[in-house]
Amino acid sequence: MPILSRFYGIVIRMYFQQAEHNPPHIHALYGDDMAEVDIRTGEIIEGDLPPKALMMVREWIELNKIDLLNIWETQEFKKLAPLE
C-alpha cells in the first residue's frame, strides 16, 4: 500500500486494488490506531483514530481532496505534501 504522506506521526496510505474501490477512501495510521476515512465526506468508514489525529486527517483530506480523488480514479500514485 503506497504511502501518500506522513505528518505528526500519522501515515496516510491508499490501496491500489480494484476490490478496494468503493467509496473513495484513505487509510490513516497513528500509532496502534487505524481508520479508513472517506475522501468525499471525511467520515470514518471503519476503524478509529484519536479525535485530534482525526481532525488533522480531515484537514489534510480537505487540502488534498482533488488530488486524492484523481489518484483514486487513475491509480497513479504520487506523494502529497504533509500537513504543516
PDB file of N, CA and C in Angstrom:
ATOM      1  N   MET A   1       0.859  -1.163   0.000  1.00  0.00           N
ATOM      2  CA  MET A   1       0.000   0.000   0.000  1.00  0.00           C
ATOM      3  C   MET A   1       0.908   1.230   0.000  1.00  0.00           C
ATOM      4  N   PRO A   2       0.911   2.011  -1.067  1.00  0.00           N
ATOM      5  CA  PRO A   2       1.784   3.188  -1.140  1.00  0.00           C
ATOM      6  C   PRO A   2       1.463   4.232  -0.067  1.00  0.00           C
ATOM      7  N   ILE A   3       2.504   4.875   0.421  1.00  0.00           N
ATOM      8  CA  ILE A   3       2.352   5.964   1.385  1.00  0.00           C
ATOM      9  C   ILE A   3       2.203   7.268   0.601  1.00  0.00           C
ATOM     10  N   LEU A   4       1.098   7.974   0.826  1.00  0.00           N
ATOM     11  CA  LEU A   4       0.864   9.249   0.153  1.00  0.00           C
ATOM     12  C   LEU A   4       1.492  10.409   0.911  1.00  0.00           C
ATOM     13  N   SER A   5       1.479  10.323   2.253  1.00  0.00           N
ATOM     14  CA  SER A   5       2.012  11.417   3.060  1.00  0.00           C
ATOM     15  C   SER A   5       2.236  10.945   4.491  1.00  0.00           C
ATOM     16  N   ARG A   6       3.078  11.703   5.220  1.00  0.00           N
ATOM     17  CA  ARG A   6       3.331  11.488   6.639  1.00  0.00           C
ATOM     18  C   ARG A   6       3.384  12.846   7.318  1.00  0.00           C
ATOM     19  N   PHE A   7       2.711  12.958   8.460  1.00  0.00           N
ATOM     20  CA  PHE A   7       2.778  14.199   9.230  1.00  0.00           C
ATOM     21  C   PHE A   7       2.331  13.931  10.664  1.00  0.00           C
ATOM     22  N   TYR A   8       3.020  14.533  11.600  1.00  0.00           N
ATOM     23  CA  TYR A   8       2.682  14.459  13.029  1.00  0.00           C
ATOM     24  C   TYR A   8       2.426  13.028  13.517  1.00  0.00           C
ATOM     25  N   GLY A   9       3.225  12.090  13.026  1.00  0.00           N
ATOM     26  CA  GLY A   9       3.079  10.699  13.433  1.00  0.00           C
ATOM     27  C   GLY A   9       1.978   9.940  12.721  1.00  0.00           C
ATOM     28  N   ILE A  10       1.306  10.596  11.784  1.00  0.00           N
ATOM     29  CA  ILE A  10       0.217   9.973  11.019  1.00  0.00           C
ATOM     30  C   ILE A  10       0.764   9.560   9.658  1.00  0.00           C
ATOM     31  N   VAL A  11       0.444   8.347   9.244  1.00  0.00           N
ATOM     32  CA  VAL A  11       0.827   7.844   7.925  1.00  0.00           C
ATOM     33  C   VAL A  11      -0.451   7.674   7.111  1.00  0.00           C
ATOM     34  N   ILE A  12      -0.454   8.250   5.909  1.00  0.00           N
ATOM     35  CA  ILE A  12      -1.615   8.177   5.015  1.00  0.00           C
ATOM     36  C   ILE A  12      -1.256   7.253   3.861  1.00  0.00           C
ATOM     37  N   ARG A  13      -2.100   6.237   3.672  1.00  0.00           N
ATOM     38  CA  ARG A  13      -1.885   5.266   2.595  1.00  0.00           C
ATOM     39  C   ARG A  13      -3.167   5.114   1.777  1.00  0.00           C
ATOM     40  N   MET A  14      -2.995   4.533   0.576  1.00  0.00           N
ATOM     41  CA  MET A  14      -4.144   4.215  -0.264  1.00  0.00           C
ATOM     42  C   MET A  14      -3.849   2.900  -0.967  1.00  0.00           C
ATOM     43  N   TYR A  15      -4.821   1.984  -0.942  1.00  0.00           N
ATOM     44  CA  TYR A  15      -4.684   0.732  -1.689  1.00  0.00           C
ATOM     45  C   TYR A  15      -4.883   1.017  -3.162  1.00  0.00           C
ATOM     46  N   PHE A  16      -4.206   0.219  -3.986  1.00  0.00           N
ATOM     47  CA  PHE A  16      -4.386   0.306  -5.430  1.00  0.00           C
ATOM     48  C   PHE A  16      -4.806  -1.045  -5.953  1.00  0.00           C
ATOM     49  N   GLN A  17      -5.961  -1.512  -5.474  1.00  0.00           N
ATOM     50  CA  GLN A  17      -6.512  -2.787  -5.911  1.00  0.00           C
ATOM     51  C   GLN A  17      -7.983  -2.565  -6.232  1.00  0.00           C
ATOM     52  N   GLN A  18      -8.434  -3.144  -7.304  1.00  0.00           N
ATOM     53  CA  GLN A  18      -9.798  -2.919  -7.767  1.00  0.00           C
ATOM     54  C   GLN A  18     -10.842  -3.282  -6.708  1.00  0.00           C
ATOM     55  N   ALA A  19     -10.607  -4.305  -5.923  1.00  0.00           N
ATOM     56  CA  ALA A  19     -11.584  -4.732  -4.924  1.00  0.00           C
ATOM     57  C   ALA A  19     -11.776  -3.700  -3.812  1.00  0.00           C
ATOM     58  N   GLU A  20     -10.841  -2.765  -3.659  1.00  0.00           N
ATOM     59  CA  GLU A  20     -10.876  -1.777  -2.589  1.00  0.00           C
ATOM     60  C   GLU A  20     -11.591  -0.490  -2.989  1.00  0.00           C
ATOM     61  N   HIS A  21     -12.206  -0.440  -4.150  1.00  0.00           N
ATOM     62  CA  HIS A  21     -12.503   0.863  -4.719  1.00  0.00           C
ATOM     63  C   HIS A  21     -13.895   1.438  -4.554  1.00  0.00           C
ATOM     64  N   ASN A  22     -14.575   1.234  -3.435  1.00  0.00           N
ATOM     65  CA  ASN A  22     -15.809   1.976  -3.180  1.00  0.00           C
ATOM     66  C   ASN A  22     -16.044   2.065  -1.693  1.00  0.00           C
ATOM     67  N   PRO A  23     -16.368   3.170  -1.142  1.00  0.00           N
ATOM     68  CA  PRO A  23     -16.214   4.519  -1.702  1.00  0.00           C
ATOM     69  C   PRO A  23     -14.746   4.946  -1.675  1.00  0.00           C
ATOM     70  N   PRO A  24     -14.402   6.029  -2.367  1.00  0.00           N
ATOM     71  CA  PRO A  24     -13.016   6.501  -2.341  1.00  0.00           C
ATOM     72  C   PRO A  24     -12.584   6.813  -0.903  1.00  0.00           C
ATOM     73  N   HIS A  25     -11.469   6.230  -0.470  1.00  0.00           N
ATOM     74  CA  HIS A  25     -11.021   6.438   0.904  1.00  0.00           C
ATOM     75  C   HIS A  25      -9.510   6.292   1.025  1.00  0.00           C
ATOM     76  N   ILE A  26      -9.000   6.771   2.156  1.00  0.00           N
ATOM     77  CA  ILE A  26      -7.600   6.607   2.513  1.00  0.00           C
ATOM     78  C   ILE A  26      -7.537   5.815   3.814  1.00  0.00           C
ATOM     79  N   HIS A  27      -6.364   5.282   4.083  1.00  0.00           N
ATOM     80  CA  HIS A  27      -6.102   4.588   5.341  1.00  0.00           C
ATOM     81  C   HIS A  27      -5.169   5.481   6.141  1.00  0.00           C
ATOM     82  N   ALA A  28      -5.574   5.861   7.329  1.00  0.00           N
ATOM     83  CA  ALA A  28      -4.757   6.698   8.207  1.00  0.00           C
ATOM     84  C   ALA A  28      -4.298   5.847   9.387  1.00  0.00           C
ATOM     85  N   LEU A  29      -2.987   5.809   9.610  1.00  0.00           N
ATOM     86  CA  LEU A  29      -2.416   5.054  10.717  1.00  0.00           C
ATOM     87  C   LEU A  29      -1.768   6.021  11.685  1.00  0.00           C
ATOM     88  N   TYR A  30      -2.054   5.843  12.967  1.00  0.00           N
ATOM     89  CA  TYR A  30      -1.490   6.691  14.010  1.00  0.00           C
ATOM     90  C   TYR A  30      -1.204   5.791  15.210  1.00  0.00           C
ATOM     91  N   GLY A  31       0.063   5.473  15.439  1.00  0.00           N
ATOM     92  CA  GLY A  31       0.421   4.531  16.498  1.00  0.00           C
ATOM     93  C   GLY A  31      -0.231   3.192  16.227  1.00  0.00           C
ATOM     94  N   ASP A  32      -0.987   2.693  17.203  1.00  0.00           N
ATOM     95  CA  ASP A  32      -1.688   1.419  17.052  1.00  0.00           C
ATOM     96  C   ASP A  32      -3.082   1.578  16.458  1.00  0.00           C
ATOM     97  N   ASP A  33      -3.491   2.803  16.165  1.00  0.00           N
ATOM     98  CA  ASP A  33      -4.828   3.068  15.637  1.00  0.00           C
ATOM     99  C   ASP A  33      -4.801   3.172  14.116  1.00  0.00           C
ATOM    100  N   MET A  34      -5.888   2.709  13.497  1.00  0.00           N
ATOM    101  CA  MET A  34      -6.012   2.795  12.048  1.00  0.00           C
ATOM    102  C   MET A  34      -7.466   3.049  11.699  1.00  0.00           C
ATOM    103  N   ALA A  35      -7.680   3.890  10.694  1.00  0.00           N
ATOM    104  CA  ALA A  35      -9.048   4.143  10.231  1.00  0.00           C
ATOM    105  C   ALA A  35      -9.050   4.312   8.722  1.00  0.00           C
ATOM    106  N   GLU A  36     -10.127   3.835   8.110  1.00  0.00           N
ATOM    107  CA  GLU A  36     -10.402   4.134   6.711  1.00  0.00           C
ATOM    108  C   GLU A  36     -11.300   5.365   6.725  1.00  0.00           C
ATOM    109  N   VAL A  37     -10.887   6.399   5.982  1.00  0.00           N
ATOM    110  CA  VAL A  37     -11.625   7.663   6.000  1.00  0.00           C
ATOM    111  C   VAL A  37     -12.089   8.002   4.582  1.00  0.00           C
ATOM    112  N   ASP A  38     -13.370   8.253   4.437  1.00  0.00           N
ATOM    113  CA  ASP A  38     -13.973   8.605   3.151  1.00  0.00           C
ATOM    114  C   ASP A  38     -13.397   9.938   2.674  1.00  0.00           C
ATOM    115  N   ILE A  39     -12.900   9.973   1.450  1.00  0.00           N
ATOM    116  CA  ILE A  39     -12.287  11.186   0.903  1.00  0.00           C
ATOM    117  C   ILE A  39     -13.337  12.280   0.712  1.00  0.00           C
ATOM    118  N   ARG A  40     -14.515  11.919   0.296  1.00  0.00           N
ATOM    119  CA  ARG A  40     -15.535  12.928  -0.011  1.00  0.00           C
ATOM    120  C   ARG A  40     -16.164  13.544   1.233  1.00  0.00           C
ATOM    121  N   THR A  41     -16.356  12.740   2.288  1.00  0.00           N
ATOM    122  CA  THR A  41     -17.083  13.228   3.458  1.00  0.00           C
ATOM    123  C   THR A  41     -16.218  13.427   4.693  1.00  0.00           C
ATOM    124  N   GLY A  42     -15.052  12.774   4.739  1.00  0.00           N
ATOM    125  CA  GLY A  42     -14.207  12.847   5.926  1.00  0.00           C
ATOM    126  C   GLY A  42     -14.681  11.941   7.049  1.00  0.00           C
ATOM    127  N   GLU A  43     -15.722  11.157   6.795  1.00  0.00           N
ATOM    128  CA  GLU A  43     -16.263  10.262   7.810  1.00  0.00           C
ATOM    129  C   GLU A  43     -15.461   8.963   7.869  1.00  0.00           C
ATOM    130  N   ILE A  44     -15.363   8.394   9.074  1.00  0.00           N
ATOM    131  CA  ILE A  44     -14.684   7.110   9.237  1.00  0.00           C
ATOM    132  C   ILE A  44     -15.587   6.010   8.700  1.00  0.00           C
ATOM    133  N   ILE A  45     -15.031   5.185   7.824  1.00  0.00           N
ATOM    134  CA  ILE A  45     -15.750   4.042   7.268  1.00  0.00           C
ATOM    135  C   ILE A  45     -15.564   2.845   8.199  1.00  0.00           C
ATOM    136  N   GLU A  46     -14.331   2.693   8.666  1.00  0.00           N
ATOM    137  CA  GLU A  46     -14.001   1.582   9.556  1.00  0.00           C
ATOM    138  C   GLU A  46     -12.794   1.962  10.390  1.00  0.00           C
ATOM    139  N   GLY A  47     -12.720   1.455  11.608  1.00  0.00           N
ATOM    140  CA  GLY A  47     -11.588   1.710  12.482  1.00  0.00           C
ATOM    141  C   GLY A  47     -11.828   2.896  13.389  1.00  0.00           C
ATOM    142  N   ASP A  48     -10.722   3.426  13.924  1.00  0.00           N
ATOM    143  CA  ASP A  48     -10.827   4.513  14.889  1.00  0.00           C
ATOM    144  C   ASP A  48      -9.504   5.268  14.962  1.00  0.00           C
ATOM    145  N   LEU A  49      -9.586   6.542  15.226  1.00  0.00           N
ATOM    146  CA  LEU A  49      -8.424   7.398  15.464  1.00  0.00           C
ATOM    147  C   LEU A  49      -8.739   8.293  16.651  1.00  0.00           C
ATOM    148  N   PRO A  50      -7.718   8.703  17.405  1.00  0.00           N
ATOM    149  CA  PRO A  50      -7.959   9.693  18.451  1.00  0.00           C
ATOM    150  C   PRO A  50      -8.527  10.974  17.817  1.00  0.00           C
ATOM    151  N   PRO A  51      -9.366  11.704  18.543  1.00  0.00           N
ATOM    152  CA  PRO A  51     -10.020  12.896  17.977  1.00  0.00           C
ATOM    153  C   PRO A  51      -9.061  13.903  17.333  1.00  0.00           C
ATOM    154  N   LYS A  52      -7.930  14.195  17.964  1.00  0.00           N
ATOM    155  CA  LYS A  52      -7.001  15.177  17.407  1.00  0.00           C
ATOM    156  C   LYS A  52      -6.383  14.674  16.102  1.00  0.00           C
ATOM    157  N   ALA A  53      -6.019  13.397  16.052  1.00  0.00           N
ATOM    158  CA  ALA A  53      -5.464  12.822  14.827  1.00  0.00           C
ATOM    159  C   ALA A  53      -6.504  12.843  13.715  1.00  0.00           C
ATOM    160  N   LEU A  54      -7.757  12.493  14.038  1.00  0.00           N
ATOM    161  CA  LEU A  54      -8.817  12.507  13.030  1.00  0.00           C
ATOM    162  C   LEU A  54      -9.046  13.920  12.510  1.00  0.00           C
ATOM    163  N   MET A  55      -8.995  14.912  13.379  1.00  0.00           N
ATOM    164  CA  MET A  55      -9.152  16.304  12.956  1.00  0.00           C
ATOM    165  C   MET A  55      -8.060  16.684  11.948  1.00  0.00           C
ATOM    166  N   MET A  56      -6.816  16.274  12.214  1.00  0.00           N
ATOM    167  CA  MET A  56      -5.720  16.587  11.291  1.00  0.00           C
ATOM    168  C   MET A  56      -5.875  15.843   9.975  1.00  0.00           C
ATOM    169  N   VAL A  57      -6.304  14.586  10.022  1.00  0.00           N
ATOM    170  CA  VAL A  57      -6.526  13.812   8.798  1.00  0.00           C
ATOM    171  C   VAL A  57      -7.606  14.475   7.952  1.00  0.00           C
ATOM    172  N   ARG A  58      -8.692  14.887   8.580  1.00  0.00           N
ATOM    173  CA  ARG A  58      -9.767  15.558   7.840  1.00  0.00           C
ATOM    174  C   ARG A  58      -9.304  16.865   7.217  1.00  0.00           C
ATOM    175  N   GLU A  59      -8.493  17.625   7.941  1.00  0.00           N
ATOM    176  CA  GLU A  59      -7.955  18.872   7.389  1.00  0.00           C
ATOM    177  C   GLU A  59      -7.070  18.579   6.191  1.00  0.00           C
ATOM    178  N   TRP A  60      -6.214  17.554   6.314  1.00  0.00           N
ATOM    179  CA  TRP A  60      -5.319  17.174   5.216  1.00  0.00           C
ATOM    180  C   TRP A  60      -6.123  16.728   4.002  1.00  0.00           C
ATOM    181  N   ILE A  61      -7.178  15.931   4.233  1.00  0.00           N
ATOM    182  CA  ILE A  61      -8.023  15.484   3.122  1.00  0.00           C
ATOM    183  C   ILE A  61      -8.631  16.684   2.403  1.00  0.00           C
ATOM    184  N   GLU A  62      -9.152  17.652   3.137  1.00  0.00           N
ATOM    185  CA  GLU A  62      -9.758  18.837   2.509  1.00  0.00           C
ATOM    186  C   GLU A  62      -8.748  19.589   1.647  1.00  0.00           C
ATOM    187  N   LEU A  63      -7.520  19.702   2.131  1.00  0.00           N
ATOM    188  CA  LEU A  63      -6.487  20.408   1.376  1.00  0.00           C
ATOM    189  C   LEU A  63      -6.066  19.652   0.117  1.00  0.00           C
ATOM    190  N   ASN A  64      -6.269  18.333   0.103  1.00  0.00           N
ATOM    191  CA  ASN A  64      -5.787  17.491  -0.997  1.00  0.00           C
ATOM    192  C   ASN A  64      -6.899  16.729  -1.707  1.00  0.00           C
ATOM    193  N   LYS A  65      -8.140  17.120  -1.497  1.00  0.00           N
ATOM    194  CA  LYS A  65      -9.282  16.348  -2.000  1.00  0.00           C
ATOM    195  C   LYS A  65      -9.228  16.114  -3.510  1.00  0.00           C
ATOM    196  N   ILE A  66      -8.935  17.132  -4.273  1.00  0.00           N
ATOM    197  CA  ILE A  66      -8.901  16.992  -5.735  1.00  0.00           C
ATOM    198  C   ILE A  66      -7.818  15.999  -6.144  1.00  0.00           C
ATOM    199  N   ASP A  67      -6.626  16.131  -5.580  1.00  0.00           N
ATOM    200  CA  ASP A  67      -5.544  15.200  -5.893  1.00  0.00           C
ATOM    201  C   ASP A  67      -5.879  13.780  -5.445  1.00  0.00           C
ATOM    202  N   LEU A  68      -6.474  13.636  -4.266  1.00  0.00           N
ATOM    203  CA  LEU A  68      -6.821  12.308  -3.757  1.00  0.00           C
ATOM    204  C   LEU A  68      -7.845  11.622  -4.655  1.00  0.00           C
ATOM    205  N   LEU A  69      -8.862  12.341  -5.077  1.00  0.00           N
ATOM    206  CA  LEU A  69      -9.854  11.748  -5.964  1.00  0.00           C
ATOM    207  C   LEU A  69      -9.249  11.406  -7.319  1.00  0.00           C
ATOM    208  N   ASN A  70      -8.327  12.220  -7.789  1.00  0.00           N
ATOM    209  CA  ASN A  70      -7.632  11.924  -9.036  1.00  0.00           C
ATOM    210  C   ASN A  70      -6.777  10.666  -8.903  1.00  0.00           C
ATOM    211  N   ILE A  71      -6.046  10.550  -7.804  1.00  0.00           N
ATOM    212  CA  ILE A  71      -5.236   9.352  -7.558  1.00  0.00           C
ATOM    213  C   ILE A  71      -6.152   8.129  -7.498  1.00  0.00           C
ATOM    214  N   TRP A  72      -7.284   8.262  -6.814  1.00  0.00           N
ATOM    215  CA  TRP A  72      -8.232   7.157  -6.694  1.00  0.00           C
ATOM    216  C   TRP A  72      -8.716   6.709  -8.067  1.00  0.00           C
ATOM    217  N   GLU A  73      -9.089   7.660  -8.914  1.00  0.00           N
ATOM    218  CA  GLU A  73      -9.626   7.337 -10.239  1.00  0.00           C
ATOM    219  C   GLU A  73      -8.573   6.775 -11.186  1.00  0.00           C
ATOM    220  N   THR A  74      -7.399   7.372 -11.198  1.00  0.00           N
ATOM    221  CA  THR A  74      -6.370   6.971 -12.158  1.00  0.00           C
ATOM    222  C   THR A  74      -5.466   5.865 -11.638  1.00  0.00           C
ATOM    223  N   GLN A  75      -5.410   5.701 -10.316  1.00  0.00           N
ATOM    224  CA  GLN A  75      -4.492   4.778  -9.647  1.00  0.00           C
ATOM    225  C   GLN A  75      -3.037   5.096  -9.998  1.00  0.00           C
ATOM    226  N   GLU A  76      -2.776   6.382 -10.236  1.00  0.00           N
ATOM    227  CA  GLU A  76      -1.411   6.856 -10.481  1.00  0.00           C
ATOM    228  C   GLU A  76      -0.906   7.483  -9.191  1.00  0.00           C
ATOM    229  N   PHE A  77      -0.042   6.753  -8.511  1.00  0.00           N
ATOM    230  CA  PHE A  77       0.479   7.162  -7.220  1.00  0.00           C
ATOM    231  C   PHE A  77       1.352   8.404  -7.314  1.00  0.00           C
ATOM    232  N   LYS A  78       1.174   9.315  -6.345  1.00  0.00           N
ATOM    233  CA  LYS A  78       2.095  10.429  -6.187  1.00  0.00           C
ATOM    234  C   LYS A  78       2.075  10.857  -4.722  1.00  0.00           C
ATOM    235  N   LYS A  79       3.198  11.314  -4.235  1.00  0.00           N
ATOM    236  CA  LYS A  79       3.285  11.796  -2.855  1.00  0.00           C
ATOM    237  C   LYS A  79       2.598  13.156  -2.770  1.00  0.00           C
ATOM    238  N   LEU A  80       1.952  13.393  -1.631  1.00  0.00           N
ATOM    239  CA  LEU A  80       1.290  14.674  -1.390  1.00  0.00           C
ATOM    240  C   LEU A  80       1.936  15.343  -0.184  1.00  0.00           C
ATOM    241  N   ALA A  81       1.913  16.647  -0.171  1.00  0.00           N
ATOM    242  CA  ALA A  81       2.548  17.427   0.889  1.00  0.00           C
ATOM    243  C   ALA A  81       1.927  17.099   2.244  1.00  0.00           C
ATOM    244  N   PRO A  82       2.737  17.071   3.279  1.00  0.00           N
ATOM    245  CA  PRO A  82       2.207  16.830   4.619  1.00  0.00           C
ATOM    246  C   PRO A  82       1.458  18.053   5.143  1.00  0.00           C
ATOM    247  N   LEU A  83       0.670  17.828   6.176  1.00  0.00           N
ATOM    248  CA  LEU A  83       0.007  18.916   6.867  1.00  0.00           C
ATOM    249  C   LEU A  83       1.061  19.668   7.669  1.00  0.00           C
ATOM    250  N   GLU A  84       1.051  20.966   7.605  1.00  0.00           N
ATOM    251  CA  GLU A  84       2.057  21.760   8.336  1.00  0.00           C
ATOM    252  C   GLU A  84       1.394  22.645   9.353  1.00  0.00           C
TER     253      GLU A  84
END
